[in-house]
Amino acid sequence: MNYLSEKAKSLTPYVAGIQPQEPGWIKLNTNENPYPPSPKVLEAINRADITRLRLYPDGNSNILCQHAGAHLNIPAEYVFAANSSDEVLAFAFGGFFSGKSVMMPDISYGFYPVWAEMYDAGTRIIPLRADYTIDPAAYRGAGGVMLANPNAPTGIALTLGEIEAIICQNPDGVVIVDEAYIDFAAVESAVNLVEKYENLLVVRTFSKSHSLAGLRVGYAVGQPHLIDGLQRMKNAFNSYPLDMLAQIAATAAISDTVYWDETRNRIIQTREQVAEKLCELGYPALPSQANFLFVKTQRAKALYDFLLEHKILVRYWNRPRLDQFLRVTMGTDEEMEAFLLCVKQF
């Protein structure tokens, strides 16, 4: 007997990248940071009062929100924290897009259409241009807009001016800008616009530039009425989304700007070096401003399989417009040398 609801039956779930459990793999398929978190994270966890684990954590993550606000030079009441940026985005879809029509690119983060289906939001899918860039002029007059900037899996970023144009073209709907990879980009963050526009919500994560994918911490930045909407969704689902240790670790990570700057610059440098070497080998990549490269080859599936045989994981999608690309996360320099050697062997 099938006990699933009609809603559950209708969903097409997001498929994450392979997560091998045995050692020996080079993981370049899920856009994780190759470097460990700031040493201050461990120090903060070791100083934590473990006896307080018997109590519920701060449901609003107030200390973390204060530090995130200070880091971004915005008031703490403009910040909402939850259990990963995915959860933040799910709350946002339910709170701002349910029953409305939301515009999103045809090639972007695969979870966006899943949340739209989950929360009964209609979708207006806008194709990327032939060069895989987003056309800001095409995003106009919707009940909402969902964009990743830089986009994934392309790595291409819109300028702040282009983001502002999209916000102005959609005054009656919330524009969500998912900035999971913004710390690796040369463009300005849309956080700089949140005090100006009441319909802008910017979503961030600690998984990428702060090396905390295993803790699942994300946050949103927007004017208080949008934050209140996210709080309503959270409190209708789970009043305590972030555990005590996650809040402590994320606060320590966002406070260590020196370590954050050092590791992200290393990743940017690796990205540029690998892109140059791949181009020399005949594998050009789109101009990425993320911590990954979207590498073009007509033999993408064959190269993916060859890398897999050598225990190197990258991401491949068997879909039109994507099936001639591999998305390659930047690992350590040693990991990328092994990847490049394997590409040469192929």
C-alpha atoms as a PDB file:
ATOM      1  CA  MET A   1       0.000   0.000   0.000  1.00  0.00           C
ATOM      2  CA  ASN A   2       1.231   3.474  -0.860  1.00  0.00           C
ATOM      3  CA  TYR A   3       0.878   5.833   2.108  1.00  0.00           C
ATOM      4  CA  LEU A   4       2.356   8.888   0.374  1.00  0.00           C
ATOM      5  CA  SER A   5       0.246  11.986   0.044  1.00  0.00           C
ATOM      6  CA  GLU A   6      -0.570  13.299  -3.415  1.00  0.00           C
ATOM      7  CA  LYS A   7       1.853  16.156  -2.740  1.00  0.00           C
ATOM      8  CA  ALA A   8       4.693  13.770  -1.911  1.00  0.00           C
ATOM      9  CA  LYS A   9       3.949  11.662  -4.981  1.00  0.00           C
ATOM     10  CA  SER A  10       4.104  14.691  -7.252  1.00  0.00           C
ATOM     11  CA  LEU A  11       7.463  16.012  -6.061  1.00  0.00           C
ATOM     12  CA  THR A  12      10.657  15.604  -8.050  1.00  0.00           C
ATOM     13  CA  PRO A  13      13.319  15.765  -5.306  1.00  0.00           C
ATOM     14  CA  TYR A  14      16.655  17.488  -5.669  1.00  0.00           C
ATOM     15  CA  VAL A  15      19.556  15.088  -6.307  1.00  0.00           C
ATOM     16  CA  ALA A  16      22.735  16.022  -4.456  1.00  0.00           C
ATOM     17  CA  GLY A  17      26.262  15.152  -5.561  1.00  0.00           C
ATOM     18  CA  ILE A  18      27.785  11.814  -4.644  1.00  0.00           C
ATOM     19  CA  GLN A  19      29.080  11.652  -1.068  1.00  0.00           C
ATOM     20  CA  PRO A  20      31.520   8.711  -0.854  1.00  0.00           C
ATOM     21  CA  GLN A  21      32.008   7.228   2.598  1.00  0.00           C
ATOM     22  CA  GLU A  22      35.291   5.406   2.012  1.00  0.00           C
ATOM     23  CA  PRO A  23      38.664   7.232   1.970  1.00  0.00           C
ATOM     24  CA  GLY A  24      40.858   7.889  -1.051  1.00  0.00           C
ATOM     25  CA  TRP A  25      38.528  10.079  -3.091  1.00  0.00           C
ATOM     26  CA  ILE A  26      39.234  13.572  -4.385  1.00  0.00           C
ATOM     27  CA  LYS A  27      35.890  15.337  -3.946  1.00  0.00           C
ATOM     28  CA  LEU A  28      35.421  18.121  -6.465  1.00  0.00           C
ATOM     29  CA  ASN A  29      31.669  17.674  -6.928  1.00  0.00           C
ATOM     30  CA  THR A  30      29.810  19.509  -4.134  1.00  0.00           C
ATOM     31  CA  ASN A  31      31.476  22.947  -3.921  1.00  0.00           C
ATOM     32  CA  GLU A  32      32.812  22.414  -0.416  1.00  0.00           C
ATOM     33  CA  ASN A  33      35.776  24.388   0.863  1.00  0.00           C
ATOM     34  CA  PRO A  34      39.033  22.383   0.648  1.00  0.00           C
ATOM     35  CA  TYR A  35      40.446  24.053   3.757  1.00  0.00           C
ATOM     36  CA  PRO A  36      39.421  23.482   7.380  1.00  0.00           C
ATOM     37  CA  PRO A  37      37.413  26.052   9.327  1.00  0.00           C
ATOM     38  CA  SER A  38      39.127  28.843  11.202  1.00  0.00           C
ATOM     39  CA  PRO A  39      41.094  27.573  14.232  1.00  0.00           C
ATOM     40  CA  LYS A  40      38.941  29.940  16.267  1.00  0.00           C
ATOM     41  CA  VAL A  41      35.959  27.690  15.570  1.00  0.00           C
ATOM     42  CA  LEU A  42      37.483  24.788  17.484  1.00  0.00           C
ATOM     43  CA  GLU A  43      38.619  27.126  20.250  1.00  0.00           C
ATOM     44  CA  ALA A  44      35.089  28.478  20.631  1.00  0.00           C
ATOM     45  CA  ILE A  45      33.545  25.004  20.708  1.00  0.00           C
ATOM     46  CA  ASN A  46      36.086  23.846  23.297  1.00  0.00           C
ATOM     47  CA  ARG A  47      35.188  26.831  25.488  1.00  0.00           C
ATOM     48  CA  ALA A  48      31.467  26.152  25.223  1.00  0.00           C
ATOM     49  CA  ASP A  49      29.543  25.281  28.376  1.00  0.00           C
ATOM     50  CA  ILE A  50      28.481  21.752  27.466  1.00  0.00           C
ATOM     51  CA  THR A  51      26.068  21.618  30.395  1.00  0.00           C
ATOM     52  CA  ARG A  52      23.854  24.029  28.448  1.00  0.00           C
ATOM     53  CA  LEU A  53      23.154  21.304  25.889  1.00  0.00           C
ATOM     54  CA  ARG A  54      20.370  20.203  28.254  1.00  0.00           C
ATOM     55  CA  LEU A  55      18.585  23.461  27.329  1.00  0.00           C
ATOM     56  CA  TYR A  56      17.051  24.538  24.054  1.00  0.00           C
ATOM     57  CA  PRO A  57      19.258  26.916  22.054  1.00  0.00           C
ATOM     58  CA  ASP A  58      18.451  30.532  21.259  1.00  0.00           C
ATOM     59  CA  GLY A  59      15.688  30.120  18.692  1.00  0.00           C
ATOM     60  CA  ASN A  60      16.566  33.417  17.003  1.00  0.00           C
ATOM     61  CA  SER A  61      20.376  32.978  17.034  1.00  0.00           C
ATOM     62  CA  ASN A  62      20.686  36.537  18.326  1.00  0.00           C
ATOM     63  CA  ILE A  63      24.440  36.577  18.966  1.00  0.00           C
ATOM     64  CA  LEU A  64      25.165  35.085  15.552  1.00  0.00           C
ATOM     65  CA  CYS A  65      22.846  37.608  13.886  1.00  0.00           C
ATOM     66  CA  GLN A  66      24.600  40.455  15.709  1.00  0.00           C
ATOM     67  CA  HIS A  67      28.016  39.290  14.465  1.00  0.00           C
ATOM     68  CA  ALA A  68      26.718  38.719  10.927  1.00  0.00           C
ATOM     69  CA  GLY A  69      25.223  42.215  10.949  1.00  0.00           C
ATOM     70  CA  ALA A  70      28.491  43.703  12.171  1.00  0.00           C
ATOM     71  CA  HIS A  71      30.405  41.773   9.491  1.00  0.00           C
ATOM     72  CA  LEU A  72      28.119  43.184   6.779  1.00  0.00           C
ATOM     73  CA  ASN A  73      27.669  46.626   8.389  1.00  0.00           C
ATOM     74  CA  ILE A  74      23.904  46.265   8.762  1.00  0.00           C
ATOM     75  CA  PRO A  75      21.593  46.191  11.818  1.00  0.00           C
ATOM     76  CA  ALA A  76      21.127  42.833  13.538  1.00  0.00           C
ATOM     77  CA  GLU A  77      17.356  43.054  13.026  1.00  0.00           C
ATOM     78  CA  TYR A  78      18.023  42.755   9.294  1.00  0.00           C
ATOM     79  CA  VAL A  79      19.430  39.210   9.777  1.00  0.00           C
ATOM     80  CA  PHE A  80      17.681  35.834  10.064  1.00  0.00           C
ATOM     81  CA  ALA A  81      19.615  32.606  10.723  1.00  0.00           C
ATOM     82  CA  ALA A  82      18.543  28.996  10.237  1.00  0.00           C
ATOM     83  CA  ASN A  83      19.744  25.461   9.606  1.00  0.00           C
ATOM     84  CA  SER A  84      21.509  26.055   6.249  1.00  0.00           C
ATOM     85  CA  SER A  85      20.759  28.472   3.449  1.00  0.00           C
ATOM     86  CA  ASP A  86      18.607  25.704   1.943  1.00  0.00           C
ATOM     87  CA  GLU A  87      16.274  25.946   4.929  1.00  0.00           C
ATOM     88  CA  VAL A  88      16.291  29.748   4.699  1.00  0.00           C
ATOM     89  CA  LEU A  89      15.344  29.505   1.024  1.00  0.00           C
ATOM     90  CA  ALA A  90      12.624  26.950   1.733  1.00  0.00           C
ATOM     91  CA  PHE A  91      11.106  29.314   4.314  1.00  0.00           C
ATOM     92  CA  ALA A  92      11.352  32.145   1.783  1.00  0.00           C
ATOM     93  CA  PHE A  93       9.571  30.180  -0.950  1.00  0.00           C
ATOM     94  CA  GLY A  94       6.790  29.286   1.466  1.00  0.00           C
ATOM     95  CA  GLY A  95       6.546  32.766   2.917  1.00  0.00           C
ATOM     96  CA  PHE A  96       6.855  34.922  -0.203  1.00  0.00           C
ATOM     97  CA  PHE A  97       6.143  32.819  -3.296  1.00  0.00           C
ATOM     98  CA  SER A  98       3.349  30.393  -2.382  1.00  0.00           C
ATOM     99  CA  GLY A  99       0.433  30.897  -4.765  1.00  0.00           C
ATOM    100  CA  LYS A 100       2.420  33.351  -6.882  1.00  0.00           C
ATOM    101  CA  SER A 101       4.476  33.124 -10.053  1.00  0.00           C
ATOM    102  CA  VAL A 102       8.240  33.241  -9.522  1.00  0.00           C
ATOM    103  CA  MET A 103      10.815  33.836 -12.256  1.00  0.00           C
ATOM    104  CA  MET A 104      14.071  31.874 -12.282  1.00  0.00           C
ATOM    105  CA  PRO A 105      16.726  30.866 -14.828  1.00  0.00           C
ATOM    106  CA  ASP A 106      16.429  27.585 -16.702  1.00  0.00           C
ATOM    107  CA  ILE A 107      19.977  26.755 -15.573  1.00  0.00           C
ATOM    108  CA  SER A 108      20.604  27.431 -11.908  1.00  0.00           C
ATOM    109  CA  TYR A 109      20.526  25.693  -8.516  1.00  0.00           C
ATOM    110  CA  GLY A 110      18.358  22.601  -8.940  1.00  0.00           C
ATOM    111  CA  PHE A 111      16.566  23.050  -5.619  1.00  0.00           C
ATOM    112  CA  TYR A 112      14.684  26.199  -6.727  1.00  0.00           C
ATOM    113  CA  PRO A 113      12.027  24.411  -8.834  1.00  0.00           C
ATOM    114  CA  VAL A 114      11.674  21.754  -6.118  1.00  0.00           C
ATOM    115  CA  TRP A 115      10.761  24.394  -3.514  1.00  0.00           C
ATOM    116  CA  ALA A 116       8.407  26.032  -6.003  1.00  0.00           C
ATOM    117  CA  GLU A 117       6.588  22.723  -6.426  1.00  0.00           C
ATOM    118  CA  MET A 118       6.638  22.055  -2.678  1.00  0.00           C
ATOM    119  CA  TYR A 119       5.062  25.416  -1.835  1.00  0.00           C
ATOM    120  CA  ASP A 120       2.665  25.623  -4.787  1.00  0.00           C
ATOM    121  CA  ALA A 121       4.418  28.489  -6.531  1.00  0.00           C
ATOM    122  CA  GLY A 122       4.077  28.846 -10.263  1.00  0.00           C
ATOM    123  CA  THR A 123       7.320  29.192 -12.216  1.00  0.00           C
ATOM    124  CA  ARG A 124       8.295  31.326 -15.172  1.00  0.00           C
ATOM    125  CA  ILE A 125      11.519  29.794 -16.436  1.00  0.00           C
ATOM    126  CA  ILE A 126      13.781  32.254 -18.250  1.00  0.00           C
ATOM    127  CA  PRO A 127      16.459  30.733 -20.513  1.00  0.00           C
ATOM    128  CA  LEU A 128      20.009  31.913 -20.097  1.00  0.00           C
ATOM    129  CA  ARG A 129      21.513  33.678 -23.075  1.00  0.00           C
ATOM    130  CA  ALA A 130      23.594  31.674 -25.537  1.00  0.00           C
ATOM    131  CA  ASP A 131      26.720  32.608 -23.563  1.00  0.00           C
ATOM    132  CA  TYR A 132      25.093  31.293 -20.339  1.00  0.00           C
ATOM    133  CA  THR A 133      24.629  34.742 -18.825  1.00  0.00           C
ATOM    134  CA  ILE A 134      21.415  36.009 -17.222  1.00  0.00           C
ATOM    135  CA  ASP A 135      19.523  38.689 -19.150  1.00  0.00           C
ATOM    136  CA  PRO A 136      18.300  41.219 -16.538  1.00  0.00           C
ATOM    137  CA  ALA A 137      15.792  42.741 -18.962  1.00  0.00           C
ATOM    138  CA  ALA A 138      13.933  39.416 -19.128  1.00  0.00           C
ATOM    139  CA  TYR A 139      13.065  39.558 -15.408  1.00  0.00           C
ATOM    140  CA  ARG A 140      10.124  41.907 -15.230  1.00  0.00           C
ATOM    141  CA  GLY A 141       6.646  41.934 -13.704  1.00  0.00           C
ATOM    142  CA  ALA A 142       6.682  38.674 -11.752  1.00  0.00           C
ATOM    143  CA  GLY A 143       5.221  37.763  -8.370  1.00  0.00           C
ATOM    144  CA  GLY A 144       8.780  37.048  -7.309  1.00  0.00           C
ATOM    145  CA  VAL A 145      12.298  36.464  -8.630  1.00  0.00           C
ATOM    146  CA  MET A 146      14.802  33.791  -7.575  1.00  0.00           C
ATOM    147  CA  LEU A 147      18.412  34.236  -8.679  1.00  0.00           C
ATOM    148  CA  ALA A 148      21.775  32.853  -7.632  1.00  0.00           C
ATOM    149  CA  ASN A 149      24.602  35.352  -7.936  1.00  0.00           C
ATOM    150  CA  PRO A 150      27.119  34.122  -8.927  1.00  0.00           C
ATOM    151  CA  ASN A 151      24.940  31.628 -10.711  1.00  0.00           C
ATOM    152  CA  ALA A 152      25.422  27.903 -10.323  1.00  0.00           C
ATOM    153  CA  PRO A 153      26.563  25.817 -12.083  1.00  0.00           C
ATOM    154  CA  THR A 154      27.932  28.447 -14.487  1.00  0.00           C
ATOM    155  CA  GLY A 155      29.806  30.594 -11.957  1.00  0.00           C
ATOM    156  CA  ILE A 156      28.924  33.755 -13.898  1.00  0.00           C
ATOM    157  CA  ALA A 157      27.934  36.816 -11.839  1.00  0.00           C
ATOM    158  CA  LEU A 158      25.677  39.809 -12.386  1.00  0.00           C
ATOM    159  CA  THR A 159      26.897  43.255 -11.393  1.00  0.00           C
ATOM    160  CA  LEU A 160      25.231  45.133  -8.556  1.00  0.00           C
ATOM    161  CA  GLY A 161      23.716  47.486 -11.115  1.00  0.00           C
ATOM    162  CA  GLU A 162      22.113  44.576 -12.963  1.00  0.00           C
ATOM    163  CA  ILE A 163      20.717  43.188  -9.715  1.00  0.00           C
ATOM    164  CA  GLU A 164      19.296  46.625  -8.877  1.00  0.00           C
ATOM    165  CA  ALA A 165      17.619  46.823 -12.264  1.00  0.00           C
ATOM    166  CA  ILE A 166      15.856  43.495 -11.626  1.00  0.00           C
ATOM    167  CA  ILE A 167      14.686  44.703  -8.205  1.00  0.00           C
ATOM    168  CA  CYS A 168      13.245  47.880  -9.715  1.00  0.00           C
ATOM    169  CA  GLN A 169      11.487  45.910 -12.469  1.00  0.00           C
ATOM    170  CA  ASN A 170       9.622  43.804  -9.896  1.00  0.00           C
ATOM    171  CA  PRO A 171       8.258  46.156  -7.219  1.00  0.00           C
ATOM    172  CA  ASP A 172       5.293  43.897  -6.420  1.00  0.00           C
ATOM    173  CA  GLY A 173       7.305  40.749  -5.668  1.00  0.00           C
ATOM    174  CA  VAL A 174      10.210  39.717  -3.471  1.00  0.00           C
ATOM    175  CA  VAL A 175      13.534  39.387  -5.271  1.00  0.00           C
ATOM    176  CA  ILE A 176      15.727  36.756  -3.625  1.00  0.00           C
ATOM    177  CA  VAL A 177      19.434  36.783  -4.397  1.00  0.00           C
ATOM    178  CA  ASP A 178      21.213  33.608  -3.312  1.00  0.00           C
ATOM    179  CA  GLU A 179      24.818  34.654  -2.623  1.00  0.00           C
ATOM    180  CA  ALA A 180      26.275  31.264  -1.696  1.00  0.00           C
ATOM    181  CA  TYR A 181      29.409  32.059  -3.747  1.00  0.00           C
ATOM    182  CA  ILE A 182      29.623  35.848  -3.504  1.00  0.00           C
ATOM    183  CA  ASP A 183      32.777  35.790  -1.368  1.00  0.00           C
ATOM    184  CA  PHE A 184      34.715  34.401  -4.342  1.00  0.00           C
ATOM    185  CA  ALA A 185      33.419  37.085  -6.723  1.00  0.00           C
ATOM    186  CA  ALA A 186      34.723  40.467  -7.813  1.00  0.00           C
ATOM    187  CA  VAL A 187      31.229  42.010  -7.893  1.00  0.00           C
ATOM    188  CA  GLU A 188      29.570  43.846  -5.011  1.00  0.00           C
ATOM    189  CA  SER A 189      27.109  42.044  -2.759  1.00  0.00           C
ATOM    190  CA  ALA A 190      23.406  42.833  -3.004  1.00  0.00           C
ATOM    191  CA  VAL A 191      23.515  43.271   0.787  1.00  0.00           C
ATOM    192  CA  ASN A 192      24.525  46.839  -0.075  1.00  0.00           C
ATOM    193  CA  LEU A 193      20.984  47.370  -1.408  1.00  0.00           C
ATOM    194  CA  VAL A 194      18.827  45.896   1.367  1.00  0.00           C
ATOM    195  CA  GLU A 195      18.293  49.165   3.231  1.00  0.00           C
ATOM    196  CA  LYS A 196      17.190  50.811  -0.028  1.00  0.00           C
ATOM    197  CA  TYR A 197      14.721  48.200  -1.299  1.00  0.00           C
ATOM    198  CA  GLU A 198      11.910  46.692   0.764  1.00  0.00           C
ATOM    199  CA  ASN A 199      11.453  43.747  -1.633  1.00  0.00           C
ATOM    200  CA  LEU A 200      15.049  42.452  -1.577  1.00  0.00           C
ATOM    201  CA  LEU A 201      16.146  39.386   0.386  1.00  0.00           C
ATOM    202  CA  VAL A 202      19.777  38.237   0.219  1.00  0.00           C
ATOM    203  CA  VAL A 203      20.631  34.688   1.336  1.00  0.00           C
ATOM    204  CA  ARG A 204      24.080  33.604   2.518  1.00  0.00           C
ATOM    205  CA  THR A 205      25.711  30.390   3.725  1.00  0.00           C
ATOM    206  CA  PHE A 206      28.575  29.356   5.991  1.00  0.00           C
ATOM    207  CA  SER A 207      29.145  26.214   3.892  1.00  0.00           C
ATOM    208  CA  LYS A 208      31.418  27.728   1.249  1.00  0.00           C
ATOM    209  CA  SER A 209      33.809  30.520   2.239  1.00  0.00           C
ATOM    210  CA  HIS A 210      33.589  29.710   5.969  1.00  0.00           C
ATOM    211  CA  SER A 211      34.253  25.939   5.573  1.00  0.00           C
ATOM    212  CA  LEU A 212      31.264  24.887   7.683  1.00  0.00           C
ATOM    213  CA  ALA A 213      29.220  22.732   5.283  1.00  0.00           C
ATOM    214  CA  GLY A 214      29.055  20.028   7.949  1.00  0.00           C
ATOM    215  CA  LEU A 215      27.307  22.322  10.440  1.00  0.00           C
ATOM    216  CA  ARG A 216      24.520  23.558   8.113  1.00  0.00           C
ATOM    217  CA  VAL A 217      24.303  27.258   8.936  1.00  0.00           C
ATOM    218  CA  GLY A 218      22.754  29.871   6.678  1.00  0.00           C
ATOM    219  CA  TYR A 219      21.219  33.312   7.017  1.00  0.00           C
ATOM    220  CA  ALA A 220      19.200  35.903   5.190  1.00  0.00           C
ATOM    221  CA  VAL A 221      19.515  39.684   5.054  1.00  0.00           C
ATOM    222  CA  GLY A 222      16.542  41.945   4.407  1.00  0.00           C
ATOM    223  CA  GLN A 223      14.363  44.630   5.877  1.00  0.00           C
ATOM    224  CA  PRO A 224      12.583  43.735   9.152  1.00  0.00           C
ATOM    225  CA  HIS A 225       9.202  42.999   7.547  1.00  0.00           C
ATOM    226  CA  LEU A 226      10.837  40.288   5.400  1.00  0.00           C
ATOM    227  CA  ILE A 227      12.732  38.936   8.397  1.00  0.00           C
ATOM    228  CA  ASP A 228       9.432  38.785  10.286  1.00  0.00           C
ATOM    229  CA  GLY A 229       7.991  36.725   7.435  1.00  0.00           C
ATOM    230  CA  LEU A 230      10.846  34.239   7.701  1.00  0.00           C
ATOM    231  CA  GLN A 231      10.347  34.111  11.476  1.00  0.00           C
ATOM    232  CA  ARG A 232       6.677  33.226  10.943  1.00  0.00           C
ATOM    233  CA  MET A 233       7.622  30.370   8.622  1.00  0.00           C
ATOM    234  CA  LYS A 234      10.325  29.146  10.986  1.00  0.00           C
ATOM    235  CA  ASN A 235       8.065  29.167  14.019  1.00  0.00           C
ATOM    236  CA  ALA A 236       5.416  27.250  12.091  1.00  0.00           C
ATOM    237  CA  PHE A 237       8.008  24.562  11.325  1.00  0.00           C
ATOM    238  CA  ASN A 238      10.749  24.448  13.985  1.00  0.00           C
ATOM    239  CA  SER A 239      11.283  27.088  16.679  1.00  0.00           C
ATOM    240  CA  TYR A 240      14.897  26.021  17.274  1.00  0.00           C
ATOM    241  CA  PRO A 241      16.506  25.446  13.874  1.00  0.00           C
ATOM    242  CA  LEU A 242      20.142  26.074  14.878  1.00  0.00           C
ATOM    243  CA  ASP A 243      21.745  24.110  17.695  1.00  0.00           C
ATOM    244  CA  MET A 244      23.914  25.790  20.308  1.00  0.00           C
ATOM    245  CA  LEU A 245      27.259  24.538  18.978  1.00  0.00           C
ATOM    246  CA  ALA A 246      26.410  25.539  15.407  1.00  0.00           C
ATOM    247  CA  GLN A 247      25.653  29.075  16.573  1.00  0.00           C
ATOM    248  CA  ILE A 248      28.916  29.233  18.518  1.00  0.00           C
ATOM    249  CA  ALA A 249      30.969  27.877  15.608  1.00  0.00           C
ATOM    250  CA  ALA A 250      29.407  30.164  13.006  1.00  0.00           C
ATOM    251  CA  THR A 251      29.894  33.214  15.230  1.00  0.00           C
ATOM    252  CA  ALA A 252      33.591  32.366  15.621  1.00  0.00           C
ATOM    253  CA  ALA A 253      33.973  31.759  11.873  1.00  0.00           C
ATOM    254  CA  ILE A 254      32.414  35.041  10.767  1.00  0.00           C
ATOM    255  CA  SER A 255      34.485  36.918  13.340  1.00  0.00           C
ATOM    256  CA  ASP A 256      37.810  35.631  11.961  1.00  0.00           C
ATOM    257  CA  THR A 257      38.002  37.828   8.888  1.00  0.00           C
ATOM    258  CA  VAL A 258      41.767  37.344   8.501  1.00  0.00           C
ATOM    259  CA  TYR A 259      41.501  33.561   8.060  1.00  0.00           C
ATOM    260  CA  TRP A 260      38.388  33.931   5.866  1.00  0.00           C
ATOM    261  CA  ASP A 261      40.189  36.360   3.569  1.00  0.00           C
ATOM    262  CA  GLU A 262      43.294  34.180   3.366  1.00  0.00           C
ATOM    263  CA  THR A 263      41.483  30.973   2.404  1.00  0.00           C
ATOM    264  CA  ARG A 264      39.092  32.538  -0.081  1.00  0.00           C
ATOM    265  CA  ASN A 265      41.987  34.287  -1.827  1.00  0.00           C
ATOM    266  CA  ARG A 266      43.803  30.953  -2.069  1.00  0.00           C
ATOM    267  CA  ILE A 267      40.745  29.415  -3.692  1.00  0.00           C
ATOM    268  CA  ILE A 268      40.395  32.317  -6.143  1.00  0.00           C
ATOM    269  CA  GLN A 269      44.067  31.993  -7.084  1.00  0.00           C
ATOM    270  CA  THR A 270      43.696  28.235  -7.585  1.00  0.00           C
ATOM    271  CA  ARG A 271      40.593  28.786  -9.720  1.00  0.00           C
ATOM    272  CA  GLU A 272      42.410  31.165 -12.065  1.00  0.00           C
ATOM    273  CA  GLN A 273      45.455  28.906 -12.369  1.00  0.00           C
ATOM    274  CA  VAL A 274      43.371  25.804 -13.065  1.00  0.00           C
ATOM    275  CA  ALA A 275      41.230  27.655 -15.610  1.00  0.00           C
ATOM    276  CA  GLU A 276      44.366  28.726 -17.476  1.00  0.00           C
ATOM    277  CA  LYS A 277      45.825  25.209 -17.490  1.00  0.00           C
ATOM    278  CA  LEU A 278      42.555  23.639 -18.607  1.00  0.00           C
ATOM    279  CA  CYS A 279      42.304  26.129 -21.468  1.00  0.00           C
ATOM    280  CA  GLU A 280      45.826  25.164 -22.566  1.00  0.00           C
ATOM    281  CA  LEU A 281      44.666  21.533 -22.626  1.00  0.00           C
ATOM    282  CA  GLY A 282      41.675  22.425 -24.798  1.00  0.00           C
ATOM    283  CA  TYR A 283      39.075  22.527 -22.030  1.00  0.00           C
ATOM    284  CA  PRO A 284      37.870  26.140 -21.729  1.00  0.00           C
ATOM    285  CA  ALA A 285      35.784  27.163 -18.713  1.00  0.00           C
ATOM    286  CA  LEU A 286      33.133  29.849 -18.440  1.00  0.00           C
ATOM    287  CA  PRO A 287      34.346  32.992 -16.614  1.00  0.00           C
ATOM    288  CA  SER A 288      33.694  31.883 -13.042  1.00  0.00           C
ATOM    289  CA  GLN A 289      33.389  34.071  -9.968  1.00  0.00           C
ATOM    290  CA  ALA A 290      32.610  31.134  -7.681  1.00  0.00           C
ATOM    291  CA  ASN A 291      34.710  28.397  -6.067  1.00  0.00           C
ATOM    292  CA  PHE A 292      34.223  26.124  -9.073  1.00  0.00           C
ATOM    293  CA  LEU A 293      34.702  26.049 -12.830  1.00  0.00           C
ATOM    294  CA  PHE A 294      32.158  25.074 -15.467  1.00  0.00           C
ATOM    295  CA  VAL A 295      34.386  23.317 -17.980  1.00  0.00           C
ATOM    296  CA  LYS A 296      33.327  22.714 -21.575  1.00  0.00           C
ATOM    297  CA  THR A 297      34.091  19.556 -23.528  1.00  0.00           C
ATOM    298  CA  GLN A 298      32.121  17.591 -26.104  1.00  0.00           C
ATOM    299  CA  ARG A 299      33.271  14.442 -24.292  1.00  0.00           C
ATOM    300  CA  ALA A 300      31.988  15.502 -20.885  1.00  0.00           C
ATOM    301  CA  LYS A 301      30.408  12.175 -19.939  1.00  0.00           C
ATOM    302  CA  ALA A 302      33.468  10.210 -21.037  1.00  0.00           C
ATOM    303  CA  LEU A 303      35.773  12.489 -19.062  1.00  0.00           C
ATOM    304  CA  TYR A 304      33.462  12.272 -16.045  1.00  0.00           C
ATOM    305  CA  ASP A 305      33.620   8.462 -16.188  1.00  0.00           C
ATOM    306  CA  PHE A 306      37.406   8.502 -16.587  1.00  0.00           C
ATOM    307  CA  LEU A 307      37.823  10.756 -13.567  1.00  0.00           C
ATOM    308  CA  LEU A 308      35.423   8.573 -11.600  1.00  0.00           C
ATOM    309  CA  GLU A 309      37.538   5.502 -12.380  1.00  0.00           C
ATOM    310  CA  HIS A 310      40.489   7.371 -10.867  1.00  0.00           C
ATOM    311  CA  LYS A 311      38.457   8.282  -7.755  1.00  0.00           C
ATOM    312  CA  ILE A 312      38.058  11.941  -8.690  1.00  0.00           C
ATOM    313  CA  LEU A 313      34.493  13.234  -8.360  1.00  0.00           C
ATOM    314  CA  VAL A 314      33.164  16.143 -10.425  1.00  0.00           C
ATOM    315  CA  ARG A 315      29.569  17.014 -11.369  1.00  0.00           C
ATOM    316  CA  TYR A 316      27.893  16.079 -14.664  1.00  0.00           C
ATOM    317  CA  TRP A 317      24.291  16.633 -15.766  1.00  0.00           C
ATOM    318  CA  ASN A 318      22.789  14.681 -18.657  1.00  0.00           C
ATOM    319  CA  ARG A 319      20.578  17.562 -19.771  1.00  0.00           C
ATOM    320  CA  PRO A 320      20.434  19.767 -22.871  1.00  0.00           C
ATOM    321  CA  ARG A 321      22.814  22.755 -22.643  1.00  0.00           C
ATOM    322  CA  LEU A 322      24.577  21.098 -19.690  1.00  0.00           C
ATOM    323  CA  ASP A 323      25.719  17.782 -21.127  1.00  0.00           C
ATOM    324  CA  GLN A 324      28.856  19.309 -22.657  1.00  0.00           C
ATOM    325  CA  PHE A 325      30.104  20.658 -19.340  1.00  0.00           C
ATOM    326  CA  LEU A 326      31.609  19.418 -16.102  1.00  0.00           C
ATOM    327  CA  ARG A 327      31.425  21.453 -12.916  1.00  0.00           C
ATOM    328  CA  VAL A 328      34.696  21.200 -11.021  1.00  0.00           C
ATOM    329  CA  THR A 329      35.009  22.459  -7.451  1.00  0.00           C
ATOM    330  CA  MET A 330      38.356  23.941  -6.478  1.00  0.00           C
ATOM    331  CA  GLY A 331      40.263  21.661  -4.121  1.00  0.00           C
ATOM    332  CA  THR A 332      43.697  22.117  -2.629  1.00  0.00           C
ATOM    333  CA  ASP A 333      46.566  22.758  -5.039  1.00  0.00           C
ATOM    334  CA  GLU A 334      47.649  19.122  -4.622  1.00  0.00           C
ATOM    335  CA  GLU A 335      44.150  17.865  -5.443  1.00  0.00           C
ATOM    336  CA  MET A 336      43.937  20.094  -8.498  1.00  0.00           C
ATOM    337  CA  GLU A 337      47.330  18.868  -9.716  1.00  0.00           C
ATOM    338  CA  ALA A 338      46.006  15.300  -9.509  1.00  0.00           C
ATOM    339  CA  PHE A 339      42.863  16.368 -11.373  1.00  0.00           C
ATOM    340  CA  LEU A 340      44.837  18.091 -14.127  1.00  0.00           C
ATOM    341  CA  LEU A 341      47.142  15.087 -14.510  1.00  0.00           C
ATOM    342  CA  CYS A 342      44.108  12.849 -14.941  1.00  0.00           C
ATOM    343  CA  VAL A 343      42.670  15.203 -17.559  1.00  0.00           C
ATOM    344  CA  LYS A 344      45.988  15.058 -19.433  1.00  0.00           C
ATOM    345  CA  GLN A 345      45.917  11.262 -19.298  1.00  0.00           C
ATOM    346  CA  PHE A 346      42.401  11.285 -20.696  1.00  0.00           C
END
